[in-house]
Amino acid sequence: MHSIVASRYARALADIAFDPKSQIDPDQLAAEVSGFNAAMAISPELRTVLVSPAIALTKKRAVTAKLAERLGLSRIAQNFLFVVIQHGRASELKGIYESLLEAIDIRRGVVRADIFSAAELPAPERQVLEEKLVAITGKKVRAVYSVDSKLLGGVLVKVGSQVYDGSVRGRLNAIGARLTATA
């Protein structure tokens, strides 16, 4: 879950990305924000400069412009970053990026599915699982796979607030609940 602030900035940027006048691909814009975010993540000095209230806004803007030039960012991405930094929200950039991906998916009718399994799933199993999720949700699915060592086997799928528990532990709990209900 991202902050309300991150979601608002992300929705505003998605509005710009999907405006035909902007002439920018939403995926390209997201990639540009991701690149800037990655630079902040690997450079504590950069992060400190952009987040610290002790650093003058003119210096922050100059650093942002220089980095944006090196990264080859579009004018739209650069101006967006200026606004984020001017409003003291540089610390929210990671959340803004993640919320932007969600906003882009929503506008395209895509739903994110977080899929957890005990071991890495082979490609054929992933394909079958994704097809089932498309059938269940009625939407295109962007699957994000993770290995969860706490699972004994099976999969656990989260789509929004809905959880589909096909894990061994989940099945055992269901059997236990049925047995105690009949006793």
Protein backbone atom coordinates (compact mmCIF):
# COMPACT_ATOMS: atom_id res chain seq x y z
CA MET A 1 0.00 0.00 0.00
CA HIS A 2 1.36 3.36 -0.96
CA SER A 3 0.79 6.70 0.67
CA ILE A 4 -2.06 8.94 -0.43
CA VAL A 5 0.53 11.49 -1.55
CA ALA A 6 2.31 8.94 -3.77
CA SER A 7 -0.99 7.85 -5.27
CA ARG A 8 -2.03 11.42 -6.06
CA TYR A 9 1.24 12.26 -7.79
CA ALA A 10 1.11 8.97 -9.70
CA ARG A 11 -2.45 9.57 -10.90
CA ALA A 12 -1.52 13.07 -12.03
CA LEU A 13 1.45 11.72 -14.00
CA ALA A 14 -0.73 8.95 -15.48
CA ASP A 15 -3.22 11.64 -16.59
CA ILE A 16 -0.39 13.35 -18.45
CA ALA A 17 0.92 10.08 -19.90
CA PHE A 18 -2.47 9.11 -21.30
CA ASP A 19 -3.23 12.57 -22.69
CA PRO A 20 -2.82 12.34 -26.48
CA LYS A 21 -1.27 15.84 -26.50
CA SER A 22 1.66 14.67 -24.37
CA GLN A 23 2.88 12.31 -27.11
CA ILE A 24 4.70 10.09 -24.64
CA ASP A 25 4.26 6.39 -24.08
CA PRO A 26 3.15 5.65 -20.49
CA ASP A 27 5.64 2.77 -20.28
CA GLN A 28 8.47 5.05 -21.37
CA LEU A 29 7.49 7.63 -18.78
CA ALA A 30 7.35 4.95 -16.07
CA ALA A 31 10.78 3.68 -17.14
CA GLU A 32 12.20 7.20 -16.89
CA VAL A 33 10.83 7.68 -13.38
CA SER A 34 12.20 4.23 -12.51
CA GLY A 35 15.66 5.21 -13.77
CA PHE A 36 15.72 8.35 -11.65
CA ASN A 37 14.43 6.40 -8.66
CA ALA A 38 17.17 3.78 -9.16
CA ALA A 39 19.81 6.52 -9.20
CA MET A 40 18.47 7.79 -5.87
CA ALA A 41 18.49 4.26 -4.45
CA ILE A 42 22.14 3.59 -5.29
CA SER A 43 23.44 7.01 -4.29
CA PRO A 44 22.86 7.98 -0.66
CA GLU A 45 24.47 11.35 -1.41
CA LEU A 46 21.95 12.09 -4.16
CA ARG A 47 19.09 11.04 -1.94
CA THR A 48 20.36 13.26 0.87
CA VAL A 49 20.65 16.27 -1.44
CA LEU A 50 17.14 15.82 -2.85
CA VAL A 51 15.42 15.01 0.45
CA SER A 52 17.19 17.37 2.84
CA PRO A 53 15.34 20.58 3.66
CA ALA A 54 18.73 22.19 4.39
CA ILE A 55 19.69 22.10 0.69
CA ALA A 56 18.46 25.04 -1.38
CA LEU A 57 15.80 24.30 -3.98
CA THR A 58 17.99 25.83 -6.70
CA LYS A 59 20.73 23.29 -5.96
CA LYS A 60 18.22 20.43 -5.95
CA ARG A 61 16.85 21.60 -9.28
CA ALA A 62 20.34 21.86 -10.78
CA VAL A 63 21.26 18.35 -9.60
CA THR A 64 17.97 16.98 -10.93
CA ALA A 65 18.47 18.69 -14.31
CA LYS A 66 22.02 17.33 -14.62
CA LEU A 67 20.96 13.79 -13.76
CA ALA A 68 17.91 13.99 -16.02
CA GLU A 69 20.18 15.02 -18.89
CA ARG A 70 22.56 12.10 -18.23
CA LEU A 71 19.65 9.66 -18.05
CA GLY A 72 18.09 11.09 -21.22
CA LEU A 73 14.78 11.86 -19.54
CA SER A 74 11.94 13.43 -21.47
CA ARG A 75 10.85 16.98 -20.73
CA ILE A 76 7.68 15.64 -19.13
CA ALA A 77 9.59 13.38 -16.72
CA GLN A 78 12.05 16.13 -15.90
CA ASN A 79 9.28 18.66 -15.17
CA PHE A 80 7.43 16.11 -13.07
CA LEU A 81 10.57 15.49 -11.00
CA PHE A 82 11.01 19.24 -10.53
CA VAL A 83 7.46 19.45 -9.13
CA VAL A 84 8.01 16.46 -6.82
CA ILE A 85 11.24 17.94 -5.48
CA GLN A 86 9.87 21.47 -5.23
CA HIS A 87 7.06 20.18 -3.03
CA GLY A 88 9.48 18.24 -0.81
CA ARG A 89 8.26 14.83 -1.94
CA ALA A 90 11.53 13.29 -3.20
CA SER A 91 11.34 10.73 -0.38
CA GLU A 92 8.04 9.53 -1.89
CA LEU A 93 9.51 8.82 -5.34
CA LYS A 94 9.66 5.03 -4.93
CA GLY A 95 6.00 4.93 -3.88
CA ILE A 96 5.08 7.31 -6.69
CA TYR A 97 6.73 4.99 -9.22
CA GLU A 98 4.96 1.90 -7.84
CA SER A 99 1.64 3.76 -7.77
CA LEU A 100 2.27 4.94 -11.34
CA LEU A 101 2.60 1.33 -12.50
CA GLU A 102 -0.71 0.55 -10.82
CA ALA A 103 -2.39 3.61 -12.36
CA ILE A 104 -1.15 2.63 -15.83
CA ASP A 105 -2.43 -0.92 -15.32
CA ILE A 106 -5.85 0.31 -14.18
CA ARG A 107 -6.22 2.53 -17.24
CA ARG A 108 -5.34 -0.40 -19.48
CA GLY A 109 -7.72 -2.78 -17.72
CA VAL A 110 -4.88 -4.84 -16.27
CA VAL A 111 -4.96 -6.28 -12.77
CA ARG A 112 -1.84 -7.18 -10.78
CA ALA A 113 -1.61 -10.65 -9.32
CA ASP A 114 1.02 -11.34 -6.66
CA ILE A 115 1.77 -15.04 -6.83
CA PHE A 116 3.68 -16.76 -4.05
CA SER A 117 4.95 -20.33 -4.36
CA ALA A 118 7.24 -22.62 -2.36
CA ALA A 119 9.61 -22.96 -5.33
CA GLU A 120 10.14 -21.25 -8.67
CA LEU A 121 7.26 -22.12 -11.01
CA PRO A 122 8.16 -23.42 -14.48
CA ALA A 123 6.91 -21.44 -17.49
CA PRO A 124 4.11 -23.89 -18.44
CA GLU A 125 2.67 -23.75 -14.91
CA ARG A 126 2.88 -19.95 -14.93
CA GLN A 127 1.00 -19.81 -18.21
CA VAL A 128 -1.80 -22.08 -16.95
CA LEU A 129 -2.06 -20.09 -13.72
CA GLU A 130 -2.22 -16.77 -15.58
CA GLU A 131 -4.92 -18.12 -17.94
CA LYS A 132 -6.99 -19.19 -14.92
CA LEU A 133 -6.57 -15.76 -13.34
CA VAL A 134 -7.72 -14.08 -16.57
CA ALA A 135 -10.80 -16.32 -16.52
CA ILE A 136 -11.50 -15.54 -12.84
CA THR A 137 -10.96 -11.76 -13.03
CA GLY A 138 -12.15 -11.13 -16.57
CA LYS A 139 -9.17 -8.82 -17.03
CA LYS A 140 -5.65 -8.96 -18.36
CA VAL A 141 -3.25 -10.01 -15.61
CA ARG A 142 0.23 -8.77 -14.79
CA ALA A 143 1.67 -11.56 -12.69
CA VAL A 144 4.43 -10.88 -10.20
CA TYR A 145 6.00 -14.09 -8.93
CA SER A 146 7.77 -14.57 -5.60
CA VAL A 147 9.15 -17.58 -3.79
CA ASP A 148 7.93 -17.85 -0.20
CA SER A 149 9.95 -20.31 1.87
CA LYS A 150 7.14 -20.46 4.47
CA LEU A 151 4.89 -22.25 1.99
CA LEU A 152 5.04 -26.04 1.99
CA GLY A 153 3.71 -26.33 -1.55
CA GLY A 154 1.04 -24.97 -3.87
CA VAL A 155 0.48 -21.28 -4.52
CA LEU A 156 -1.02 -18.26 -2.81
CA VAL A 157 -2.39 -15.56 -5.12
CA LYS A 158 -3.35 -12.00 -4.17
CA VAL A 159 -5.36 -9.94 -6.65
CA GLY A 160 -6.17 -6.62 -5.03
CA SER A 161 -7.77 -7.46 -1.69
CA GLN A 162 -8.84 -10.93 -2.86
CA VAL A 163 -6.69 -13.90 -1.76
CA TYR A 164 -6.81 -17.28 -3.48
CA ASP A 165 -5.13 -19.83 -1.23
CA GLY A 166 -4.08 -22.95 -3.10
CA SER A 167 -1.23 -23.66 -0.73
CA VAL A 168 -0.84 -26.95 1.10
CA ARG A 169 -1.27 -25.14 4.43
CA GLY A 170 -4.45 -23.47 3.15
CA ARG A 171 -5.87 -26.80 2.00
CA LEU A 172 -5.03 -28.45 5.34
CA ASN A 173 -6.68 -25.58 7.22
CA ALA A 174 -9.81 -25.96 5.08
CA ILE A 175 -9.94 -29.71 5.76
CA GLY A 176 -9.47 -29.05 9.49
CA ALA A 177 -12.29 -26.50 9.47
CA ARG A 178 -14.64 -28.95 7.73
CA LEU A 179 -13.75 -31.71 10.19
CA THR A 180 -14.39 -29.52 13.24
CA ALA A 181 -17.65 -28.21 11.73
CA THR A 182 -19.00 -31.75 11.31
CA ALA A 183 -17.88 -32.94 14.75
